[in-house]
Amino acid sequence: MAAVPYELTKKDLTAWRELLGTPNREKTVLAAALAALQMAAIPLSENHTVFLLYYLLTLSFFYLLTRSLFSLCGVAIPAFFIYSAFGEHGAPFSVAFCAMLFGGALCAYLILHFHTKPAHLLLLLIPAAAYGVTFLMTGDPMRGLLTLIPLPLGLLFAVMLARCESFTDTVVSGAAAVALTLGVALLLTLAATGRLSSNALSLLADDLRANLVSRLTEVRDLYEKAGVSLEMTDVQIANSAAMWVNLSPAIYLILCSVISFCSFRIFLRVTAGFDELPRMPRRVIAMSVSPVAAILFLVAFLLSLLVGRDHASFFGVVLQNLYLVLEPPLILVGFSALSGRGGARSCLSLLILMGLVFILCTNPGTGLTLAAFYGALTILLSRFFPAAPADKGGQ
């Protein structure tokens, strides 16, 4: 996609910050109430009433903000998938996902506009109120700390937007903030439950592998009861579970990146809507992927083919995790290039797009990888073989 724009001067930053302005009281109260809801919902999501009320209010707000069913489904469908994937324990994970998206965005909006004295003192009342409600309902002071999870992401987004940093830098930094925040939350949870030890990660990996084996075995047995044979032996199930555990670092980082990407887009939508901005600077909304990332993806993927996808070596696992982490942004670049954004779409790109859509319908994994390949090649070609400027007036 587009290259990162030029560096901003102090005059540019001053003009940008003045453009942000100050929101009115009604919008501020709404943002504060919704931010408190996001924080409190994380530790209280196992309560069925809280779970339903949370989604009713949050999704209603998002639809009124965007007026788009497509955007609404873009949040609701992944939340429902997470809820379904974790079975009876799906509610906390589903709510935590959405609370990170909206909590990070709303906290960022409030911090952006009210970070100076004495306004920032009023901001402290929001997490304090969420913590107080959680403590009153659960009586667990450690559980109440979960209300603070969206704050680091919100603080980072507010600082990055105030400095008018590029979209890519903001999302990457946000993904790192999410990964660190969730990592610290995990460590505190393990410490509170007495499970923190030198081999805690190894034990978690073993638990994850055992749960995957159990789930896959249940699925196979259900299909066999229905008269459908999946032809999955116990050895194949064990190998599949081990593969997913090996790829769990990449899956974790991809999830953190998705949360950061979506939350920042929501933050931009809230800022533009509440502040009634005519438009955002291009550097803030346009994503770019460096040629280095494209080369790393291609090299890691090709080397993983040479090593072998089923190879259990440490080197092979590292290669698979590396190219999987780099794949999502390159997929966006690939589809953006094929859809003709930023220029005319050729007949060849249209045919490639149609073929890619067909492959996606039959084999989604292969289709997404091919889209990433196209995105990587597009970046490298535009960087090292830029298109010649159009001839104007015979000059």
Protein backbone atom coordinates (compact mmCIF):
# COMPACT_ATOMS: atom_id res chain seq x y z
CA MET A 1 0.00 0.00 0.00
CA ALA A 2 0.96 3.66 0.15
CA ALA A 3 4.32 4.65 1.53
CA VAL A 4 4.50 6.41 4.88
CA PRO A 5 3.99 10.18 4.35
CA TYR A 6 6.56 12.87 5.10
CA GLU A 7 7.54 13.88 8.61
CA LEU A 8 5.28 16.50 10.17
CA THR A 9 6.51 19.87 11.36
CA LYS A 10 5.58 21.46 14.69
CA LYS A 11 3.20 23.75 12.80
CA ASP A 12 1.46 20.73 11.27
CA LEU A 13 1.08 19.05 14.67
CA THR A 14 -0.28 22.22 16.25
CA ALA A 15 -2.86 22.60 13.49
CA TRP A 16 -3.84 18.93 13.85
CA ARG A 17 -4.33 19.16 17.61
CA GLU A 18 -6.40 22.31 17.25
CA LEU A 19 -8.56 20.53 14.69
CA LEU A 20 -9.40 17.82 17.22
CA GLY A 21 -11.12 20.39 19.43
CA THR A 22 -13.09 19.57 22.58
CA PRO A 23 -16.16 17.29 22.56
CA ASN A 24 -19.43 18.46 24.04
CA ARG A 25 -20.70 17.28 27.41
CA GLU A 26 -23.26 14.78 26.08
CA LYS A 27 -20.73 12.94 23.94
CA THR A 28 -18.19 12.95 26.76
CA VAL A 29 -20.67 11.42 29.20
CA LEU A 30 -21.68 8.79 26.62
CA ALA A 31 -18.06 7.86 25.92
CA ALA A 32 -17.26 7.67 29.65
CA ALA A 33 -20.29 5.48 30.41
CA LEU A 34 -19.49 3.11 27.55
CA ALA A 35 -15.82 2.94 28.55
CA ALA A 36 -16.83 1.99 32.10
CA LEU A 37 -19.13 -0.68 30.66
CA GLN A 38 -16.28 -2.18 28.62
CA MET A 39 -14.02 -2.35 31.68
CA ALA A 40 -16.59 -3.82 34.04
CA ALA A 41 -17.88 -6.35 31.49
CA ILE A 42 -14.60 -8.28 31.32
CA PRO A 43 -14.64 -9.66 34.90
CA LEU A 44 -18.46 -9.82 35.06
CA SER A 45 -19.12 -11.54 31.71
CA GLU A 46 -20.00 -14.89 33.31
CA ASN A 47 -23.17 -13.23 34.61
CA HIS A 48 -25.79 -13.96 31.93
CA THR A 49 -27.63 -10.66 32.46
CA VAL A 50 -24.41 -8.65 32.21
CA PHE A 51 -23.41 -10.61 29.10
CA LEU A 52 -26.68 -9.82 27.27
CA LEU A 53 -26.82 -6.20 28.44
CA TYR A 54 -23.23 -5.64 27.39
CA TYR A 55 -23.75 -6.83 23.82
CA LEU A 56 -27.09 -5.01 23.48
CA LEU A 57 -25.59 -1.65 24.47
CA THR A 58 -22.23 -2.06 22.73
CA LEU A 59 -23.54 -3.29 19.38
CA SER A 60 -26.34 -0.70 19.41
CA PHE A 61 -23.78 2.06 19.95
CA PHE A 62 -21.57 0.73 17.15
CA TYR A 63 -24.44 0.55 14.68
CA LEU A 64 -25.59 4.07 15.51
CA LEU A 65 -22.01 5.27 15.08
CA THR A 66 -21.36 3.58 11.73
CA ARG A 67 -24.88 3.11 10.32
CA SER A 68 -23.47 0.02 8.61
CA LEU A 69 -24.68 -3.55 8.96
CA PHE A 70 -21.46 -4.71 7.32
CA SER A 71 -19.35 -3.06 10.05
CA LEU A 72 -21.68 -4.44 12.71
CA CYS A 73 -21.30 -7.98 11.35
CA GLY A 74 -17.54 -7.47 11.22
CA VAL A 75 -17.57 -7.29 15.02
CA ALA A 76 -20.52 -9.53 15.87
CA ILE A 77 -19.48 -12.55 13.78
CA PRO A 78 -15.97 -12.94 15.27
CA ALA A 79 -17.42 -12.43 18.77
CA PHE A 80 -19.99 -15.16 18.14
CA PHE A 81 -17.32 -17.45 16.70
CA ILE A 82 -15.16 -17.01 19.81
CA TYR A 83 -18.19 -17.64 22.01
CA SER A 84 -18.99 -20.85 20.14
CA ALA A 85 -15.38 -22.07 19.99
CA PHE A 86 -14.94 -22.06 23.77
CA GLY A 87 -18.25 -23.74 24.57
CA GLU A 88 -19.60 -23.12 28.06
CA HIS A 89 -16.61 -20.90 28.85
CA GLY A 90 -17.05 -18.81 25.71
CA ALA A 91 -18.74 -15.77 27.29
CA PRO A 92 -15.64 -14.34 29.05
CA PHE A 93 -13.44 -14.76 25.96
CA SER A 94 -16.04 -13.28 23.64
CA VAL A 95 -16.67 -10.27 25.88
CA ALA A 96 -12.94 -9.76 26.49
CA PHE A 97 -12.39 -9.60 22.71
CA CYS A 98 -15.06 -6.94 22.18
CA ALA A 99 -14.14 -5.06 25.35
CA MET A 100 -10.56 -4.73 24.11
CA LEU A 101 -11.84 -3.34 20.80
CA PHE A 102 -14.29 -0.80 22.19
CA GLY A 103 -12.64 -0.22 25.56
CA GLY A 104 -9.32 0.63 23.93
CA ALA A 105 -11.03 2.96 21.44
CA LEU A 106 -13.21 4.78 23.99
CA CYS A 107 -10.42 5.10 26.57
CA ALA A 108 -8.17 6.51 23.84
CA TYR A 109 -10.83 9.07 22.89
CA LEU A 110 -11.22 10.25 26.48
CA ILE A 111 -7.47 10.35 27.19
CA LEU A 112 -6.86 12.25 23.94
CA HIS A 113 -9.20 15.07 24.94
CA PHE A 114 -8.87 15.10 28.73
CA HIS A 115 -5.23 14.31 29.48
CA THR A 116 -4.41 17.68 31.10
CA LYS A 117 -4.96 18.74 34.71
CA PRO A 118 -7.46 18.70 36.31
CA ALA A 119 -9.45 16.81 33.67
CA HIS A 120 -7.26 13.72 33.92
CA LEU A 121 -8.30 13.35 37.56
CA LEU A 122 -11.89 12.89 36.41
CA LEU A 123 -10.70 10.17 33.99
CA LEU A 124 -9.44 8.15 36.95
CA LEU A 125 -13.02 7.91 38.18
CA ILE A 126 -13.94 5.67 35.22
CA PRO A 127 -11.66 2.68 36.02
CA ALA A 128 -12.26 3.30 39.73
CA ALA A 129 -16.02 3.03 39.21
CA ALA A 130 -15.63 -0.12 37.07
CA TYR A 131 -13.36 -1.68 39.69
CA GLY A 132 -15.77 -0.76 42.49
CA VAL A 133 -18.77 -2.30 40.74
CA THR A 134 -16.78 -5.47 40.01
CA PHE A 135 -15.61 -5.77 43.61
CA LEU A 136 -19.14 -5.26 44.97
CA MET A 137 -20.56 -7.95 42.64
CA THR A 138 -17.77 -10.52 43.01
CA GLY A 139 -16.00 -9.71 46.28
CA ASP A 140 -12.72 -10.59 44.57
CA PRO A 141 -10.12 -7.75 44.53
CA MET A 142 -7.81 -9.60 42.12
CA ARG A 143 -10.59 -10.18 39.62
CA GLY A 144 -11.34 -6.48 39.66
CA LEU A 145 -7.91 -5.80 38.15
CA LEU A 146 -9.22 -7.20 34.87
CA THR A 147 -11.08 -3.91 34.44
CA LEU A 148 -7.74 -2.23 33.66
CA ILE A 149 -7.00 -4.37 30.58
CA PRO A 150 -8.21 -1.84 27.93
CA LEU A 151 -6.28 1.10 29.47
CA PRO A 152 -2.75 0.51 28.05
CA LEU A 153 -4.10 0.22 24.51
CA GLY A 154 -6.20 3.36 24.96
CA LEU A 155 -3.26 5.33 26.33
CA LEU A 156 -1.04 4.27 23.44
CA PHE A 157 -3.63 5.14 20.78
CA ALA A 158 -4.22 8.57 22.32
CA VAL A 159 -0.50 9.39 22.28
CA MET A 160 -0.02 8.10 18.72
CA LEU A 161 -2.99 10.02 17.31
CA ALA A 162 -2.02 13.23 19.13
CA ARG A 163 1.39 12.93 17.46
CA CYS A 164 -0.28 12.05 14.14
CA GLU A 165 1.79 8.89 13.80
CA SER A 166 1.28 6.61 10.82
CA PHE A 167 -1.43 3.95 10.79
CA THR A 168 1.06 1.09 10.52
CA ASP A 169 3.25 2.29 13.39
CA THR A 170 0.19 2.75 15.58
CA VAL A 171 -1.28 -0.68 14.86
CA VAL A 172 2.05 -2.48 15.35
CA SER A 173 2.66 -0.63 18.62
CA GLY A 174 -0.91 -1.40 19.67
CA ALA A 175 -0.42 -5.11 18.95
CA ALA A 176 2.67 -5.09 21.17
CA ALA A 177 0.70 -3.32 23.91
CA VAL A 178 -2.11 -5.89 23.70
CA ALA A 179 0.34 -8.80 23.79
CA LEU A 180 2.13 -7.39 26.85
CA THR A 181 -1.13 -6.53 28.63
CA LEU A 182 -2.63 -9.97 28.12
CA GLY A 183 0.69 -11.58 29.07
CA VAL A 184 0.80 -9.68 32.35
CA ALA A 185 -2.87 -10.54 32.98
CA LEU A 186 -2.04 -14.22 32.43
CA LEU A 187 0.91 -14.09 34.83
CA LEU A 188 -1.20 -12.40 37.52
CA THR A 189 -3.94 -14.99 37.03
CA LEU A 190 -1.45 -17.84 37.37
CA ALA A 191 0.03 -16.21 40.48
CA ALA A 192 -3.40 -15.72 42.03
CA THR A 193 -4.34 -19.36 41.41
CA GLY A 194 -1.00 -20.72 42.63
CA ARG A 195 -0.01 -22.06 39.20
CA LEU A 196 2.91 -19.71 38.52
CA SER A 197 6.16 -21.65 38.18
CA SER A 198 9.28 -21.87 36.04
CA ASN A 199 7.55 -24.30 33.66
CA ALA A 200 4.16 -22.54 33.61
CA LEU A 201 4.22 -22.05 29.82
CA SER A 202 5.07 -25.70 29.26
CA LEU A 203 2.16 -26.74 31.48
CA LEU A 204 -0.18 -24.38 29.63
CA ALA A 205 0.95 -25.87 26.31
CA ASP A 206 0.27 -29.37 27.66
CA ASP A 207 -3.20 -28.31 28.84
CA LEU A 208 -3.93 -26.73 25.46
CA ARG A 209 -2.78 -29.86 23.62
CA ALA A 210 -4.92 -32.10 25.84
CA ASN A 211 -7.99 -29.89 25.34
CA LEU A 212 -7.51 -29.91 21.57
CA VAL A 213 -7.19 -33.68 21.51
CA SER A 214 -10.35 -33.96 23.60
CA ARG A 215 -12.30 -31.58 21.34
CA LEU A 216 -11.17 -33.23 18.11
CA THR A 217 -11.99 -36.67 19.50
CA GLU A 218 -15.47 -35.46 20.46
CA VAL A 219 -16.02 -34.09 16.96
CA ARG A 220 -14.91 -37.36 15.38
CA ASP A 221 -17.19 -39.38 17.67
CA LEU A 222 -20.18 -37.12 16.93
CA TYR A 223 -19.70 -37.57 13.20
CA GLU A 224 -19.37 -41.33 13.59
CA LYS A 225 -22.63 -41.45 15.55
CA ALA A 226 -24.26 -39.59 12.67
CA GLY A 227 -22.94 -42.21 10.25
CA VAL A 228 -20.15 -40.06 8.79
CA SER A 229 -16.57 -41.30 9.03
CA LEU A 230 -13.88 -38.59 9.22
CA GLU A 231 -11.08 -41.19 8.96
CA MET A 232 -9.10 -39.54 11.75
CA THR A 233 -6.98 -41.88 13.83
CA ASP A 234 -5.84 -41.08 17.36
CA VAL A 235 -2.33 -40.49 16.01
CA GLN A 236 -3.62 -37.98 13.44
CA ILE A 237 -5.61 -36.17 16.12
CA ALA A 238 -2.53 -35.99 18.37
CA ASN A 239 -0.42 -34.65 15.48
CA SER A 240 -3.04 -32.01 14.63
CA ALA A 241 -3.20 -30.87 18.24
CA ALA A 242 0.61 -30.67 18.41
CA MET A 243 0.67 -28.62 15.20
CA TRP A 244 -1.82 -26.07 16.57
CA VAL A 245 0.15 -25.79 19.81
CA ASN A 246 3.34 -25.15 17.80
CA LEU A 247 1.55 -22.39 15.89
CA SER A 248 0.01 -20.85 19.02
CA PRO A 249 2.61 -18.02 19.23
CA ALA A 250 1.70 -16.86 15.73
CA ILE A 251 -2.01 -17.24 16.44
CA TYR A 252 -1.60 -15.18 19.62
CA LEU A 253 0.28 -12.39 17.83
CA ILE A 254 -2.24 -12.39 14.96
CA LEU A 255 -5.09 -12.07 17.46
CA CYS A 256 -3.29 -9.15 19.16
CA SER A 257 -2.76 -7.51 15.76
CA VAL A 258 -6.43 -7.95 14.82
CA ILE A 259 -7.52 -6.40 18.13
CA SER A 260 -5.15 -3.48 17.62
CA PHE A 261 -6.20 -2.95 13.99
CA CYS A 262 -9.94 -3.07 14.68
CA SER A 263 -9.76 -1.04 17.89
CA PHE A 264 -7.79 1.73 16.20
CA ARG A 265 -10.28 1.84 13.33
CA ILE A 266 -13.10 2.17 15.87
CA PHE A 267 -11.13 4.91 17.65
CA LEU A 268 -10.76 6.82 14.38
CA ARG A 269 -14.48 6.42 13.70
CA VAL A 270 -15.39 7.66 17.19
CA THR A 271 -12.99 10.62 16.91
CA ALA A 272 -14.23 11.59 13.46
CA GLY A 273 -17.88 11.17 14.45
CA PHE A 274 -17.82 12.82 17.86
CA ASP A 275 -15.49 15.65 16.85
CA GLU A 276 -17.23 16.05 13.49
CA LEU A 277 -13.94 16.13 11.59
CA PRO A 278 -14.26 16.62 7.82
CA ARG A 279 -11.51 14.06 7.15
CA MET A 280 -8.49 12.38 8.71
CA PRO A 281 -4.88 12.86 7.55
CA ARG A 282 -3.88 10.18 5.07
CA ARG A 283 -0.90 9.07 7.16
CA VAL A 284 -3.29 8.24 10.02
CA ILE A 285 -5.70 6.08 8.00
CA ALA A 286 -3.54 4.54 5.22
CA MET A 287 -1.78 1.26 5.99
CA SER A 288 1.64 0.53 4.50
CA VAL A 289 3.74 -2.64 4.56
CA SER A 290 7.50 -2.40 4.12
CA PRO A 291 9.42 -4.36 1.46
CA VAL A 292 11.41 -5.95 4.30
CA ALA A 293 8.23 -7.55 5.67
CA ALA A 294 7.32 -8.78 2.18
CA ILE A 295 10.76 -10.35 1.69
CA LEU A 296 10.67 -11.97 5.15
CA PHE A 297 7.28 -13.50 4.36
CA LEU A 298 8.40 -14.93 1.02
CA VAL A 299 11.68 -16.30 2.40
CA ALA A 300 10.06 -17.80 5.52
CA PHE A 301 7.27 -19.42 3.51
CA LEU A 302 9.56 -20.89 0.84
CA LEU A 303 12.02 -22.18 3.44
CA SER A 304 9.17 -23.77 5.40
CA LEU A 305 8.22 -25.67 2.23
CA LEU A 306 11.77 -26.94 1.91
CA VAL A 307 11.90 -27.95 5.57
CA GLY A 308 8.45 -29.54 5.36
CA ARG A 309 5.18 -28.45 6.90
CA ASP A 310 4.99 -31.52 9.13
CA HIS A 311 8.58 -31.23 10.30
CA ALA A 312 8.74 -30.94 14.08
CA SER A 313 12.10 -29.14 14.20
CA PHE A 314 12.47 -25.86 16.04
CA PHE A 315 13.61 -24.13 12.82
CA GLY A 316 10.52 -25.31 10.94
CA VAL A 317 8.19 -24.13 13.71
CA VAL A 318 9.87 -20.70 13.79
CA LEU A 319 9.50 -20.33 10.01
CA GLN A 320 5.81 -21.22 10.12
CA ASN A 321 5.13 -18.77 12.96
CA LEU A 322 7.05 -16.01 11.17
CA TYR A 323 5.21 -16.19 7.87
CA LEU A 324 1.83 -16.59 9.57
CA VAL A 325 2.38 -13.40 11.60
CA LEU A 326 3.28 -11.47 8.43
CA GLU A 327 0.44 -12.93 6.37
CA PRO A 328 -2.62 -10.84 7.48
CA PRO A 329 -1.36 -7.38 6.37
CA LEU A 330 -0.09 -8.83 3.10
CA ILE A 331 -3.52 -10.37 2.50
CA LEU A 332 -5.05 -6.90 2.84
CA VAL A 333 -2.46 -5.49 0.42
CA GLY A 334 -3.15 -8.29 -2.06
CA PHE A 335 -6.93 -7.84 -2.08
CA SER A 336 -6.56 -4.05 -2.17
CA ALA A 337 -4.32 -4.29 -5.23
CA LEU A 338 -6.63 -6.75 -6.98
CA SER A 339 -9.74 -4.69 -6.25
CA GLY A 340 -8.18 -1.71 -8.01
CA ARG A 341 -7.98 0.68 -5.05
CA GLY A 342 -5.85 3.63 -5.89
CA GLY A 343 -5.91 2.97 -9.64
CA ALA A 344 -7.66 1.31 -12.55
CA ARG A 345 -8.26 -2.43 -12.42
CA SER A 346 -6.91 -4.40 -15.38
CA CYS A 347 -8.54 -7.41 -16.97
CA LEU A 348 -5.70 -9.60 -15.68
CA SER A 349 -6.19 -8.46 -12.07
CA LEU A 350 -9.93 -9.09 -12.42
CA LEU A 351 -9.29 -12.65 -13.63
CA ILE A 352 -6.81 -13.23 -10.79
CA LEU A 353 -9.34 -11.90 -8.29
CA MET A 354 -12.07 -14.19 -9.62
CA GLY A 355 -9.72 -17.18 -9.47
CA LEU A 356 -8.67 -16.25 -5.94
CA VAL A 357 -12.28 -16.00 -4.78
CA PHE A 358 -12.96 -19.46 -6.23
CA ILE A 359 -9.93 -20.91 -4.40
CA LEU A 360 -11.07 -19.21 -1.18
CA CYS A 361 -14.43 -20.95 -1.45
CA THR A 362 -12.84 -24.37 -1.97
CA ASN A 363 -9.66 -24.07 0.12
CA PRO A 364 -9.58 -20.93 2.32
CA GLY A 365 -6.08 -21.53 3.68
CA THR A 366 -4.51 -21.78 0.23
CA GLY A 367 -6.52 -18.81 -1.02
CA LEU A 368 -5.36 -16.54 1.80
CA THR A 369 -1.74 -17.57 1.32
CA LEU A 370 -1.96 -16.82 -2.41
CA ALA A 371 -3.47 -13.40 -1.62
CA ALA A 372 -0.53 -12.73 0.72
CA PHE A 373 1.89 -13.82 -2.01
CA TYR A 374 0.26 -11.40 -4.45
CA GLY A 375 0.44 -8.63 -1.86
CA ALA A 376 4.14 -9.29 -1.19
CA LEU A 377 4.96 -9.30 -4.92
CA THR A 378 2.95 -6.10 -5.42
CA ILE A 379 4.96 -4.34 -2.70
CA LEU A 380 8.31 -5.49 -4.09
CA LEU A 381 7.44 -4.63 -7.68
CA SER A 382 6.19 -1.16 -6.74
CA ARG A 383 9.33 -0.58 -4.63
CA PHE A 384 12.02 -1.84 -7.00
CA PHE A 385 10.23 -1.42 -10.36
CA PRO A 386 7.99 1.64 -9.95
CA ALA A 387 5.62 2.47 -12.78
CA ALA A 388 6.83 5.17 -15.12
CA PRO A 389 4.96 8.50 -14.78
CA ALA A 390 2.40 9.22 -17.45
CA ASP A 391 3.60 11.36 -20.36
CA LYS A 392 1.84 14.73 -20.21
CA GLY A 393 1.58 16.93 -23.21
CA GLY A 394 4.31 15.11 -25.11
CA GLN A 395 7.02 16.33 -22.75
